[in-house]
C-alpha atoms as a PDB file:
ATOM      1  CA  MET A   1      -2.403  -7.063  22.045  1.00  0.00           C
ATOM      2  CA  ASN A   2      -1.156 -10.154  21.167  1.00  0.00           C
ATOM      3  CA  LEU A   3      -2.170 -11.441  17.554  1.00  0.00           C
ATOM      4  CA  LYS A   4      -1.343 -14.736  18.080  1.00  0.00           C
ATOM      5  CA  GLY A   5      -4.463 -17.093  17.608  1.00  0.00           C
ATOM      6  CA  LYS A   6      -6.671 -14.171  16.476  1.00  0.00           C
ATOM      7  CA  THR A   7      -8.741 -14.599  13.234  1.00  0.00           C
ATOM      8  CA  VAL A   8      -7.686 -11.930  10.895  1.00  0.00           C
ATOM      9  CA  LEU A   9      -9.307 -10.819   7.598  1.00  0.00           C
ATOM     10  CA  VAL A  10      -7.190  -9.051   5.206  1.00  0.00           C
ATOM     11  CA  THR A  11      -8.844  -7.342   2.299  1.00  0.00           C
ATOM     12  CA  GLY A  12      -6.861  -6.614  -1.068  1.00  0.00           C
ATOM     13  CA  ALA A  13      -4.823  -9.707   0.165  1.00  0.00           C
ATOM     14  CA  ASP A  14      -4.356 -10.532  -3.678  1.00  0.00           C
ATOM     15  CA  GLY A  15      -2.358  -7.123  -4.283  1.00  0.00           C
ATOM     16  CA  PHE A  16       1.255  -6.163  -3.555  1.00  0.00           C
ATOM     17  CA  ILE A  17       1.167  -5.189   0.152  1.00  0.00           C
ATOM     18  CA  GLY A  18      -1.685  -7.418   0.840  1.00  0.00           C
ATOM     19  CA  SER A  19      -0.057 -10.562  -0.007  1.00  0.00           C
ATOM     20  CA  HIS A  20       2.951  -9.738   2.142  1.00  0.00           C
ATOM     21  CA  LEU A  21       0.861  -8.758   4.860  1.00  0.00           C
ATOM     22  CA  THR A  22      -1.048 -12.007   4.608  1.00  0.00           C
ATOM     23  CA  GLU A  23       2.177 -14.061   4.845  1.00  0.00           C
ATOM     24  CA  GLN A  24       3.614 -12.047   7.776  1.00  0.00           C
ATOM     25  CA  LEU A  25       0.237 -12.372   9.741  1.00  0.00           C
ATOM     26  CA  LEU A  26       0.679 -16.275   9.384  1.00  0.00           C
ATOM     27  CA  GLU A  27       4.290 -16.040  10.849  1.00  0.00           C
ATOM     28  CA  GLU A  28       2.522 -14.117  13.833  1.00  0.00           C
ATOM     29  CA  GLY A  29       0.394 -17.117  14.554  1.00  0.00           C
ATOM     30  CA  CYS A  30      -2.892 -15.742  12.999  1.00  0.00           C
ATOM     31  CA  ASN A  31      -5.856 -17.583  11.416  1.00  0.00           C
ATOM     32  CA  VAL A  32      -5.884 -15.507   8.156  1.00  0.00           C
ATOM     33  CA  LYS A  33      -8.797 -15.005   5.836  1.00  0.00           C
ATOM     34  CA  ALA A  34      -7.900 -13.404   2.477  1.00  0.00           C
ATOM     35  CA  PHE A  35     -10.587 -11.194   0.914  1.00  0.00           C
ATOM     36  CA  ILE A  36      -9.489 -11.023  -2.614  1.00  0.00           C
ATOM     37  CA  TYR A  37     -11.205  -9.378  -5.802  1.00  0.00           C
ATOM     38  CA  TYR A  38     -13.669 -12.048  -7.499  1.00  0.00           C
ATOM     39  CA  ASN A  39     -12.746 -12.719 -11.429  1.00  0.00           C
ATOM     40  CA  SER A  40     -13.817 -15.072 -13.747  1.00  0.00           C
ATOM     41  CA  PHE A  41     -10.168 -16.317 -14.243  1.00  0.00           C
ATOM     42  CA  GLY A  42     -10.025 -17.889 -10.759  1.00  0.00           C
ATOM     43  CA  SER A  43      -7.033 -15.877 -10.189  1.00  0.00           C
ATOM     44  CA  TRP A  44      -5.812 -15.174  -6.566  1.00  0.00           C
ATOM     45  CA  GLY A  45      -3.539 -12.347  -7.320  1.00  0.00           C
ATOM     46  CA  TRP A  46      -0.225 -12.811  -5.973  1.00  0.00           C
ATOM     47  CA  LEU A  47      -1.318 -15.366  -3.464  1.00  0.00           C
ATOM     48  CA  ASP A  48      -1.112 -17.536  -6.392  1.00  0.00           C
ATOM     49  CA  THR A  49       2.590 -17.029  -6.530  1.00  0.00           C
ATOM     50  CA  ILE A  50       3.228 -18.171  -2.814  1.00  0.00           C
ATOM     51  CA  ASP A  51       4.630 -21.197  -1.333  1.00  0.00           C
ATOM     52  CA  SER A  52       1.734 -23.786  -1.407  1.00  0.00           C
ATOM     53  CA  LYS A  53       2.381 -24.693   2.034  1.00  0.00           C
ATOM     54  CA  ILE A  54       1.599 -21.166   3.031  1.00  0.00           C
ATOM     55  CA  GLN A  55      -1.205 -21.160   0.650  1.00  0.00           C
ATOM     56  CA  SER A  56      -2.853 -23.993   2.144  1.00  0.00           C
ATOM     57  CA  GLN A  57      -3.344 -22.057   5.756  1.00  0.00           C
ATOM     58  CA  ILE A  58      -5.173 -19.353   4.143  1.00  0.00           C
ATOM     59  CA  GLU A  59      -8.985 -19.092   3.968  1.00  0.00           C
ATOM     60  CA  ILE A  60      -9.671 -17.539   0.457  1.00  0.00           C
ATOM     61  CA  ILE A  61     -12.990 -15.501   0.017  1.00  0.00           C
ATOM     62  CA  ALA A  62     -13.619 -14.057  -3.357  1.00  0.00           C
ATOM     63  CA  GLY A  63     -15.943 -11.002  -3.595  1.00  0.00           C
ATOM     64  CA  ASP A  64     -16.065  -7.515  -4.169  1.00  0.00           C
ATOM     65  CA  ILE A  65     -15.344  -4.825  -1.486  1.00  0.00           C
ATOM     66  CA  ARG A  66     -18.177  -2.617  -2.901  1.00  0.00           C
ATOM     67  CA  ASP A  67     -20.728  -5.333  -2.099  1.00  0.00           C
ATOM     68  CA  PRO A  68     -21.855  -4.754   1.698  1.00  0.00           C
ATOM     69  CA  PHE A  69     -23.508  -8.382   1.737  1.00  0.00           C
ATOM     70  CA  ALA A  70     -19.935  -9.897   0.576  1.00  0.00           C
ATOM     71  CA  VAL A  71     -18.250  -7.881   3.106  1.00  0.00           C
ATOM     72  CA  LYS A  72     -20.374  -8.681   5.978  1.00  0.00           C
ATOM     73  CA  SER A  73     -20.424 -12.315   5.316  1.00  0.00           C
ATOM     74  CA  ALA A  74     -16.487 -12.315   5.295  1.00  0.00           C
ATOM     75  CA  ILE A  75     -16.096 -10.327   8.318  1.00  0.00           C
ATOM     76  CA  LYS A  76     -18.288 -12.835  10.364  1.00  0.00           C
ATOM     77  CA  GLU A  77     -16.436 -14.476  12.983  1.00  0.00           C
ATOM     78  CA  VAL A  78     -13.327 -12.368  12.550  1.00  0.00           C
ATOM     79  CA  ASP A  79     -11.521 -10.624  15.484  1.00  0.00           C
ATOM     80  CA  ILE A  80      -9.341  -8.052  13.370  1.00  0.00           C
ATOM     81  CA  VAL A  81      -9.697  -6.766   9.900  1.00  0.00           C
ATOM     82  CA  PHE A  82      -6.821  -5.034   7.896  1.00  0.00           C
ATOM     83  CA  HIS A  83      -8.502  -3.229   5.087  1.00  0.00           C
ATOM     84  CA  LEU A  84      -6.041  -2.861   2.081  1.00  0.00           C
ATOM     85  CA  ALA A  85      -8.661  -3.244  -0.798  1.00  0.00           C
ATOM     86  CA  ALA A  86      -8.548  -0.108  -2.896  1.00  0.00           C
ATOM     87  CA  LEU A  87      -7.734   1.483  -6.262  1.00  0.00           C
ATOM     88  CA  ILE A  88      -4.405   2.879  -5.867  1.00  0.00           C
ATOM     89  CA  ALA A  89      -3.478   4.192  -9.127  1.00  0.00           C
ATOM     90  CA  ILE A  90      -2.944   8.106  -9.574  1.00  0.00           C
ATOM     91  CA  PRO A  91      -3.318   8.476 -13.398  1.00  0.00           C
ATOM     92  CA  TYR A  92      -6.260   6.110 -13.759  1.00  0.00           C
ATOM     93  CA  SER A  93      -8.253   8.285 -11.234  1.00  0.00           C
ATOM     94  CA  TYR A  94      -7.952  11.084 -13.674  1.00  0.00           C
ATOM     95  CA  VAL A  95      -9.683   8.795 -15.996  1.00  0.00           C
ATOM     96  CA  ALA A  96     -12.329   6.986 -13.897  1.00  0.00           C
ATOM     97  CA  PRO A  97     -12.831   9.017 -10.533  1.00  0.00           C
ATOM     98  CA  SER A  98     -16.137   7.417  -9.903  1.00  0.00           C
ATOM     99  CA  SER A  99     -15.007   3.873  -9.408  1.00  0.00           C
ATOM    100  CA  TYR A 100     -12.510   5.395  -7.028  1.00  0.00           C
ATOM    101  CA  VAL A 101     -15.293   6.596  -5.103  1.00  0.00           C
ATOM    102  CA  GLU A 102     -17.264   3.456  -5.129  1.00  0.00           C
ATOM    103  CA  THR A 103     -14.190   1.302  -4.090  1.00  0.00           C
ATOM    104  CA  ASN A 104     -12.302   3.653  -1.798  1.00  0.00           C
ATOM    105  CA  ILE A 105     -15.197   5.228   0.094  1.00  0.00           C
ATOM    106  CA  ASN A 106     -18.080   3.050  -0.303  1.00  0.00           C
ATOM    107  CA  GLY A 107     -15.718   0.113   0.094  1.00  0.00           C
ATOM    108  CA  THR A 108     -14.273   1.430   3.193  1.00  0.00           C
ATOM    109  CA  LEU A 109     -17.685   2.100   4.702  1.00  0.00           C
ATOM    110  CA  ASN A 110     -18.972  -1.452   4.016  1.00  0.00           C
ATOM    111  CA  ILE A 111     -16.118  -2.431   6.017  1.00  0.00           C
ATOM    112  CA  LEU A 112     -16.731  -0.054   8.973  1.00  0.00           C
ATOM    113  CA  GLN A 113     -20.254  -1.089   9.119  1.00  0.00           C
ATOM    114  CA  ALA A 114     -19.532  -4.678   9.100  1.00  0.00           C
ATOM    115  CA  ALA A 115     -16.946  -4.261  11.843  1.00  0.00           C
ATOM    116  CA  ARG A 116     -19.452  -2.366  13.987  1.00  0.00           C
ATOM    117  CA  ASP A 117     -22.335  -5.047  13.518  1.00  0.00           C
ATOM    118  CA  PHE A 118     -19.772  -7.684  14.639  1.00  0.00           C
ATOM    119  CA  ASN A 119     -18.126  -5.721  17.350  1.00  0.00           C
ATOM    120  CA  LEU A 120     -14.569  -6.418  16.152  1.00  0.00           C
ATOM    121  CA  GLU A 121     -11.571  -6.065  18.445  1.00  0.00           C
ATOM    122  CA  LYS A 122      -9.437  -3.884  15.835  1.00  0.00           C
ATOM    123  CA  VAL A 123     -10.002  -2.206  12.586  1.00  0.00           C
ATOM    124  CA  ILE A 124      -6.939  -1.222  10.758  1.00  0.00           C
ATOM    125  CA  ILE A 125      -7.594   1.193   7.848  1.00  0.00           C
ATOM    126  CA  THR A 126      -5.058   1.641   5.195  1.00  0.00           C
ATOM    127  CA  SER A 127      -4.489   5.357   4.284  1.00  0.00           C
ATOM    128  CA  THR A 128      -1.731   6.813   2.087  1.00  0.00           C
ATOM    129  CA  SER A 129       0.629   9.693   2.302  1.00  0.00           C
ATOM    130  CA  GLU A 130      -0.719  11.186  -0.945  1.00  0.00           C
ATOM    131  CA  VAL A 131      -3.603  12.524   1.403  1.00  0.00           C
ATOM    132  CA  TYR A 132      -0.953  15.089   2.413  1.00  0.00           C
ATOM    133  CA  GLY A 133      -0.187  16.488  -0.995  1.00  0.00           C
ATOM    134  CA  THR A 134       2.813  18.269  -1.239  1.00  0.00           C
ATOM    135  CA  ALA A 135       4.615  18.955   1.928  1.00  0.00           C
ATOM    136  CA  GLN A 136       4.059  22.043   3.537  1.00  0.00           C
ATOM    137  CA  PHE A 137       6.594  21.238   6.448  1.00  0.00           C
ATOM    138  CA  VAL A 138       8.864  18.305   6.908  1.00  0.00           C
ATOM    139  CA  PRO A 139       9.084  15.778   8.283  1.00  0.00           C
ATOM    140  CA  ILE A 140       5.337  15.347   7.566  1.00  0.00           C
ATOM    141  CA  THR A 141       3.735  14.486  10.806  1.00  0.00           C
ATOM    142  CA  GLU A 142       0.026  13.088  11.148  1.00  0.00           C
ATOM    143  CA  ALA A 143      -1.117  16.644  12.006  1.00  0.00           C
ATOM    144  CA  HIS A 144      -0.137  17.825   8.528  1.00  0.00           C
ATOM    145  CA  PRO A 145      -2.961  19.518   6.664  1.00  0.00           C
ATOM    146  CA  LYS A 146      -4.821  17.166   4.136  1.00  0.00           C
ATOM    147  CA  GLN A 147      -4.729  18.293   0.371  1.00  0.00           C
ATOM    148  CA  ALA A 148      -6.693  16.453  -2.292  1.00  0.00           C
ATOM    149  CA  GLN A 149      -4.407  16.948  -5.165  1.00  0.00           C
ATOM    150  CA  SER A 150      -5.942  13.930  -7.290  1.00  0.00           C
ATOM    151  CA  PRO A 151      -9.198  12.250  -7.373  1.00  0.00           C
ATOM    152  CA  TYR A 152      -7.280   9.094  -5.450  1.00  0.00           C
ATOM    153  CA  SER A 153      -6.141  11.298  -2.604  1.00  0.00           C
ATOM    154  CA  ALA A 154      -9.420  12.882  -2.373  1.00  0.00           C
ATOM    155  CA  THR A 155     -11.316   9.371  -1.984  1.00  0.00           C
ATOM    156  CA  LYS A 156      -8.514   8.428   0.637  1.00  0.00           C
ATOM    157  CA  ILE A 157      -9.120  11.456   2.588  1.00  0.00           C
ATOM    158  CA  ALA A 158     -12.919  10.696   2.440  1.00  0.00           C
ATOM    159  CA  ALA A 159     -12.223   7.140   3.745  1.00  0.00           C
ATOM    160  CA  ASP A 160     -10.037   8.233   6.449  1.00  0.00           C
ATOM    161  CA  SER A 161     -12.709  10.768   7.574  1.00  0.00           C
ATOM    162  CA  ILE A 162     -15.540   8.178   7.436  1.00  0.00           C
ATOM    163  CA  SER A 163     -13.404   5.817   9.652  1.00  0.00           C
ATOM    164  CA  GLU A 164     -12.544   8.463  12.262  1.00  0.00           C
ATOM    165  CA  SER A 165     -16.222   9.328  12.383  1.00  0.00           C
ATOM    166  CA  PHE A 166     -17.190   5.687  13.268  1.00  0.00           C
ATOM    167  CA  TYR A 167     -14.401   5.968  16.216  1.00  0.00           C
ATOM    168  CA  LYS A 168     -15.993   9.006  17.414  1.00  0.00           C
ATOM    169  CA  SER A 169     -19.613   8.155  16.814  1.00  0.00           C
ATOM    170  CA  PHE A 170     -19.692   4.439  17.579  1.00  0.00           C
ATOM    171  CA  ASN A 171     -16.249   3.933  19.452  1.00  0.00           C
ATOM    172  CA  LEU A 172     -15.264   1.405  16.835  1.00  0.00           C
ATOM    173  CA  PRO A 173     -11.630   0.590  17.713  1.00  0.00           C
ATOM    174  CA  VAL A 174     -10.245   1.982  14.338  1.00  0.00           C
ATOM    175  CA  THR A 175      -6.555   2.810  13.658  1.00  0.00           C
ATOM    176  CA  ILE A 176      -5.770   4.751  10.277  1.00  0.00           C
ATOM    177  CA  VAL A 177      -2.280   3.209   9.251  1.00  0.00           C
ATOM    178  CA  ARG A 178      -0.621   5.747   6.609  1.00  0.00           C
ATOM    179  CA  PRO A 179       2.495   4.155   4.675  1.00  0.00           C
ATOM    180  CA  PHE A 180       4.449   6.247   2.695  1.00  0.00           C
ATOM    181  CA  ASN A 181       6.077   5.102  -0.582  1.00  0.00           C
ATOM    182  CA  THR A 182       6.196   1.223  -0.294  1.00  0.00           C
ATOM    183  CA  TYR A 183       8.351  -0.656  -2.861  1.00  0.00           C
ATOM    184  CA  GLY A 184       9.335  -4.293  -3.083  1.00  0.00           C
ATOM    185  CA  PRO A 185       8.707  -7.596  -4.829  1.00  0.00           C
ATOM    186  CA  ARG A 186       5.260  -7.866  -6.427  1.00  0.00           C
ATOM    187  CA  GLN A 187       4.879  -4.187  -6.638  1.00  0.00           C
ATOM    188  CA  SER A 188       3.024  -3.143 -10.180  1.00  0.00           C
ATOM    189  CA  ASN A 189       4.381  -1.585 -13.012  1.00  0.00           C
ATOM    190  CA  ARG A 190       2.805   1.715 -12.626  1.00  0.00           C
ATOM    191  CA  ALA A 191       4.843   2.332  -9.488  1.00  0.00           C
ATOM    192  CA  ILE A 192       8.198   4.069 -10.040  1.00  0.00           C
ATOM    193  CA  ILE A 193      10.792   1.635  -8.844  1.00  0.00           C
ATOM    194  CA  PRO A 194       9.221  -1.443 -11.049  1.00  0.00           C
ATOM    195  CA  THR A 195       9.138   0.951 -13.981  1.00  0.00           C
ATOM    196  CA  ILE A 196      12.690   1.444 -13.832  1.00  0.00           C
ATOM    197  CA  ILE A 197      13.972  -1.900 -12.814  1.00  0.00           C
ATOM    198  CA  THR A 198      11.701  -3.539 -15.633  1.00  0.00           C
ATOM    199  CA  GLN A 199      12.600  -1.333 -18.307  1.00  0.00           C
ATOM    200  CA  LEU A 200      16.523  -1.953 -17.444  1.00  0.00           C
ATOM    201  CA  LEU A 201      16.096  -5.907 -17.328  1.00  0.00           C
ATOM    202  CA  SER A 202      14.337  -5.639 -20.632  1.00  0.00           C
ATOM    203  CA  GLY A 203      17.301  -4.253 -22.274  1.00  0.00           C
ATOM    204  CA  SER A 204      16.098  -0.758 -22.744  1.00  0.00           C
ATOM    205  CA  GLU A 205      19.018   1.814 -22.466  1.00  0.00           C
ATOM    206  CA  GLN A 206      16.622   4.802 -22.472  1.00  0.00           C
ATOM    207  CA  ILE A 207      14.669   4.882 -19.260  1.00  0.00           C
ATOM    208  CA  LYS A 208      11.165   6.667 -19.683  1.00  0.00           C
ATOM    209  CA  LEU A 209      10.114   8.737 -16.885  1.00  0.00           C
ATOM    210  CA  GLY A 210       8.020  11.640 -15.796  1.00  0.00           C
ATOM    211  CA  ASP A 211       9.161  14.633 -13.700  1.00  0.00           C
ATOM    212  CA  THR A 212      12.386  13.492 -12.023  1.00  0.00           C
ATOM    213  CA  THR A 213      12.358  16.226  -9.192  1.00  0.00           C
ATOM    214  CA  PRO A 214       9.723  15.149  -6.993  1.00  0.00           C
ATOM    215  CA  THR A 215      11.124  13.484  -3.832  1.00  0.00           C
ATOM    216  CA  ARG A 216       9.910  10.489  -2.059  1.00  0.00           C
ATOM    217  CA  ASP A 217       9.917   8.656   1.497  1.00  0.00           C
ATOM    218  CA  LEU A 218      10.828   5.033   0.281  1.00  0.00           C
ATOM    219  CA  LEU A 219       9.621   2.172   2.612  1.00  0.00           C
ATOM    220  CA  PHE A 220      10.741  -1.656   1.814  1.00  0.00           C
ATOM    221  CA  VAL A 221       7.599  -3.760   1.857  1.00  0.00           C
ATOM    222  CA  ILE A 222       8.477  -5.688   4.766  1.00  0.00           C
ATOM    223  CA  ASP A 223       8.899  -2.719   6.942  1.00  0.00           C
ATOM    224  CA  SER A 224       5.492  -1.520   5.755  1.00  0.00           C
ATOM    225  CA  VAL A 225       3.716  -4.708   6.594  1.00  0.00           C
ATOM    226  CA  ASN A 226       5.456  -4.822  10.130  1.00  0.00           C
ATOM    227  CA  GLY A 227       4.043  -1.473  10.629  1.00  0.00           C
ATOM    228  CA  PHE A 228       0.517  -2.611  10.091  1.00  0.00           C
ATOM    229  CA  ILE A 229       1.110  -5.523  12.639  1.00  0.00           C
ATOM    230  CA  GLU A 230       2.732  -3.191  15.342  1.00  0.00           C
ATOM    231  CA  ALA A 231       0.211  -0.768  14.774  1.00  0.00           C
ATOM    232  CA  ALA A 232      -2.509  -3.450  15.387  1.00  0.00           C
ATOM    233  CA  LYS A 233      -0.936  -4.818  18.349  1.00  0.00           C
ATOM    234  CA  SER A 234      -0.719  -1.130  20.012  1.00  0.00           C
ATOM    235  CA  ASP A 235      -3.992  -0.101  21.962  1.00  0.00           C
ATOM    236  CA  ASN A 236      -2.586   3.366  22.386  1.00  0.00           C
ATOM    237  CA  LEU A 237      -2.973   3.896  18.656  1.00  0.00           C
ATOM    238  CA  ILE A 238      -6.789   3.366  18.446  1.00  0.00           C
ATOM    239  CA  GLY A 239      -8.605   6.375  17.147  1.00  0.00           C
ATOM    240  CA  SER A 240      -5.230   7.599  15.500  1.00  0.00           C
ATOM    241  CA  GLU A 241      -3.793   8.191  12.259  1.00  0.00           C
ATOM    242  CA  VAL A 242       0.013   6.774  12.399  1.00  0.00           C
ATOM    243  CA  ASN A 243       2.472   7.151   9.759  1.00  0.00           C
ATOM    244  CA  ILE A 244       4.615   4.284   8.364  1.00  0.00           C
ATOM    245  CA  ALA A 245       7.788   6.032   6.995  1.00  0.00           C
ATOM    246  CA  THR A 246      11.647   6.080   6.960  1.00  0.00           C
ATOM    247  CA  GLY A 247      12.180   9.928   7.720  1.00  0.00           C
ATOM    248  CA  SER A 248      14.363  10.397   4.780  1.00  0.00           C
ATOM    249  CA  GLU A 249      13.881  11.344   1.115  1.00  0.00           C
ATOM    250  CA  ILE A 250      15.335  10.752  -2.163  1.00  0.00           C
ATOM    251  CA  SER A 251      14.454  12.555  -5.604  1.00  0.00           C
ATOM    252  CA  VAL A 252      13.131  10.387  -8.455  1.00  0.00           C
ATOM    253  CA  GLY A 253      16.094  11.299 -10.511  1.00  0.00           C
ATOM    254  CA  GLU A 254      18.636  10.371  -7.884  1.00  0.00           C
ATOM    255  CA  LEU A 255      16.526   7.019  -7.331  1.00  0.00           C
ATOM    256  CA  ALA A 256      16.758   6.330 -11.160  1.00  0.00           C
ATOM    257  CA  SER A 257      20.330   7.131 -11.068  1.00  0.00           C
ATOM    258  CA  LYS A 258      21.191   4.645  -8.203  1.00  0.00           C
ATOM    259  CA  ILE A 259      19.034   1.617  -9.793  1.00  0.00           C
ATOM    260  CA  ILE A 260      20.708   2.412 -13.252  1.00  0.00           C
ATOM    261  CA  SER A 261      23.981   2.060 -11.583  1.00  0.00           C
ATOM    262  CA  LEU A 262      23.027  -1.151 -10.120  1.00  0.00           C
ATOM    263  CA  ILE A 263      21.692  -2.803 -13.372  1.00  0.00           C
ATOM    264  CA  ASN A 264      23.179  -0.948 -16.353  1.00  0.00           C
ATOM    265  CA  PRO A 265      25.284   2.138 -15.950  1.00  0.00           C
ATOM    266  CA  ASN A 266      25.056   2.769 -19.646  1.00  0.00           C
ATOM    267  CA  ALA A 267      21.367   3.544 -19.565  1.00  0.00           C
ATOM    268  CA  SER A 268      20.112   7.073 -19.508  1.00  0.00           C
ATOM    269  CA  ILE A 269      16.856   8.788 -18.657  1.00  0.00           C
ATOM    270  CA  VAL A 270      14.485  10.518 -21.225  1.00  0.00           C
ATOM    271  CA  SER A 271      11.409  12.379 -20.472  1.00  0.00           C
ATOM    272  CA  ASP A 272       8.063  10.908 -21.448  1.00  0.00           C
ATOM    273  CA  GLU A 273       5.216  13.307 -21.435  1.00  0.00           C
ATOM    274  CA  ILE A 274       2.377  10.857 -20.964  1.00  0.00           C
ATOM    275  CA  ARG A 275       4.103  10.229 -17.635  1.00  0.00           C
ATOM    276  CA  ILE A 276       4.158  13.881 -16.139  1.00  0.00           C
ATOM    277  CA  ARG A 277       1.374  14.589 -13.828  1.00  0.00           C
ATOM    278  CA  PRO A 278      -0.805  17.922 -14.128  1.00  0.00           C
ATOM    279  CA  GLU A 279       1.365  20.621 -12.269  1.00  0.00           C
ATOM    280  CA  ALA A 280      -1.142  21.319  -9.504  1.00  0.00           C
ATOM    281  CA  SER A 281      -1.808  17.476  -8.980  1.00  0.00           C
ATOM    282  CA  GLU A 282       1.975  16.611  -8.701  1.00  0.00           C
ATOM    283  CA  VAL A 283       2.946  15.840  -5.169  1.00  0.00           C
ATOM    284  CA  PHE A 284       6.610  17.355  -5.123  1.00  0.00           C
ATOM    285  CA  ARG A 285       7.965  16.425  -1.701  1.00  0.00           C
ATOM    286  CA  LEU A 286       7.240  13.582   0.602  1.00  0.00           C
ATOM    287  CA  LEU A 287       9.216  13.006   3.992  1.00  0.00           C
ATOM    288  CA  GLY A 288       7.465  11.507   6.787  1.00  0.00           C
ATOM    289  CA  SER A 289       7.778  11.455  10.456  1.00  0.00           C
ATOM    290  CA  ASN A 290       7.631   7.984  12.039  1.00  0.00           C
ATOM    291  CA  GLU A 291       7.875   9.167  15.617  1.00  0.00           C
ATOM    292  CA  LYS A 292       4.395   8.507  16.439  1.00  0.00           C
ATOM    293  CA  LEU A 293       4.599   4.846  15.406  1.00  0.00           C
ATOM    294  CA  LYS A 294       8.000   4.428  17.170  1.00  0.00           C
ATOM    295  CA  ASN A 295       6.835   6.035  20.400  1.00  0.00           C
ATOM    296  CA  ASN A 296       3.487   3.814  20.646  1.00  0.00           C
ATOM    297  CA  SER A 297       4.825   0.469  19.194  1.00  0.00           C
ATOM    298  CA  ASN A 298       7.667  -1.834  18.903  1.00  0.00           C
ATOM    299  CA  TRP A 299       8.037  -0.759  14.972  1.00  0.00           C
ATOM    300  CA  ARG A 300      11.710  -0.084  13.822  1.00  0.00           C
ATOM    301  CA  GLN A 301      12.890   0.253  10.189  1.00  0.00           C
ATOM    302  CA  LYS A 302      14.929  -2.843   9.300  1.00  0.00           C
ATOM    303  CA  TYR A 303      15.632  -2.177   5.637  1.00  0.00           C
ATOM    304  CA  SER A 304      17.796   0.419   4.200  1.00  0.00           C
ATOM    305  CA  LEU A 305      17.043   1.746   0.847  1.00  0.00           C
ATOM    306  CA  ASP A 306      20.280  -0.315  -0.668  1.00  0.00           C
ATOM    307  CA  GLN A 307      19.046  -3.386   0.958  1.00  0.00           C
ATOM    308  CA  GLY A 308      15.458  -3.133   0.029  1.00  0.00           C
ATOM    309  CA  LEU A 309      16.675  -2.324  -3.709  1.00  0.00           C
ATOM    310  CA  SER A 310      18.939  -5.280  -3.760  1.00  0.00           C
ATOM    311  CA  LYS A 311      16.023  -7.641  -2.732  1.00  0.00           C
ATOM    312  CA  THR A 312      13.712  -5.899  -5.123  1.00  0.00           C
ATOM    313  CA  ILE A 313      16.189  -6.135  -8.104  1.00  0.00           C
ATOM    314  CA  GLU A 314      16.731  -9.590  -7.235  1.00  0.00           C
ATOM    315  CA  TRP A 315      13.242 -10.657  -7.393  1.00  0.00           C
ATOM    316  CA  PHE A 316      12.599  -8.930 -10.711  1.00  0.00           C
ATOM    317  CA  LYS A 317      15.759 -10.668 -12.155  1.00  0.00           C
ATOM    318  CA  ASN A 318      13.810 -14.024 -11.860  1.00  0.00           C
ATOM    319  CA  PRO A 319      12.560 -14.487 -15.436  1.00  0.00           C
ATOM    320  CA  LEU A 320       9.042 -16.007 -13.915  1.00  0.00           C
ATOM    321  CA  ASN A 321       8.478 -12.671 -12.156  1.00  0.00           C
ATOM    322  CA  LEU A 322       9.825 -10.506 -15.188  1.00  0.00           C
ATOM    323  CA  VAL A 323       7.549 -12.082 -17.571  1.00  0.00           C
ATOM    324  CA  LYS A 324       4.229 -10.793 -15.853  1.00  0.00           C
ATOM    325  CA  TYR A 325       5.406  -7.274 -16.643  1.00  0.00           C
ATOM    326  CA  LYS A 326       4.850  -5.218 -19.831  1.00  0.00           C
ATOM    327  CA  SER A 327       8.129  -2.784 -19.608  1.00  0.00           C
ATOM    328  CA  ASP A 328       7.291  -1.023 -22.800  1.00  0.00           C
ATOM    329  CA  GLN A 329       3.881   0.438 -21.711  1.00  0.00           C
ATOM    330  CA  TYR A 330       3.100   2.898 -19.327  1.00  0.00           C
ATOM    331  CA  GLY A 331       1.092   1.358 -16.751  1.00  0.00           C
ATOM    332  CA  VAL A 332      -1.705   3.511 -15.211  1.00  0.00           C
END
């Protein structure tokens, strides 16, 4: 499928990955509608920070993914929907699990039902590598068992299942895209890389982290959004789950040491109890297979970890960006 000229809706367009995807879809020649979370501040999230010429090309729709009427109104006259709106912070899912059910499960159901009503050409649902839990085998393929090791991952497993059911029950053209550990400019401070970078750039020489032994498959955000786009172009992936991954892993401790060496080699790592997940909830190993995506689309990884970290650190060094982060607080 050629995306040029298609009208697309991006839910969660105000967020980290969603804002990058919105920009890239404009580069693809799409007519882009951005569904953002309504708030009384009039904030468009990260879309407020992009170039005004790009911003002017986007139709902004403020609403709530939990509201089926708002969702149906937004999807009207759309060809493709990229559904990214979700609650994603794992620690906060321990605190407020019901909000994750309402947003991640019911929100996804609202998207699927509206897409069915309007007979959309493609529905791209965002999953997460967290649905796999700790790897039972590596590289993790799409056939890996699902393990609900947190309320967050449980709701994403449920959202994936209801999406699959709409494909099987109603022939809705759904593709479930499963990015692994995406990082890059605009990522929130609850994620490991911004946590390390912002502490270092704020002058701290004791970097507070939780467990440093888990491994992660780290994917630069541009590679992630290109995965979304290439998956949408591929008719072979309709009705499928597909990983976006690098096929490599690095431990949190090794990652922290790498970033420390790039910013302040004198800094050290200290354990912060509050940042440690319950043991049975921790995902200790993530290493994804990208063979299905590569075999069924034109996607290829473009950024190495070193290249991605360099671009990410450069972005955080801008005082206008760094000031948005509270490095002294643990972000859940």
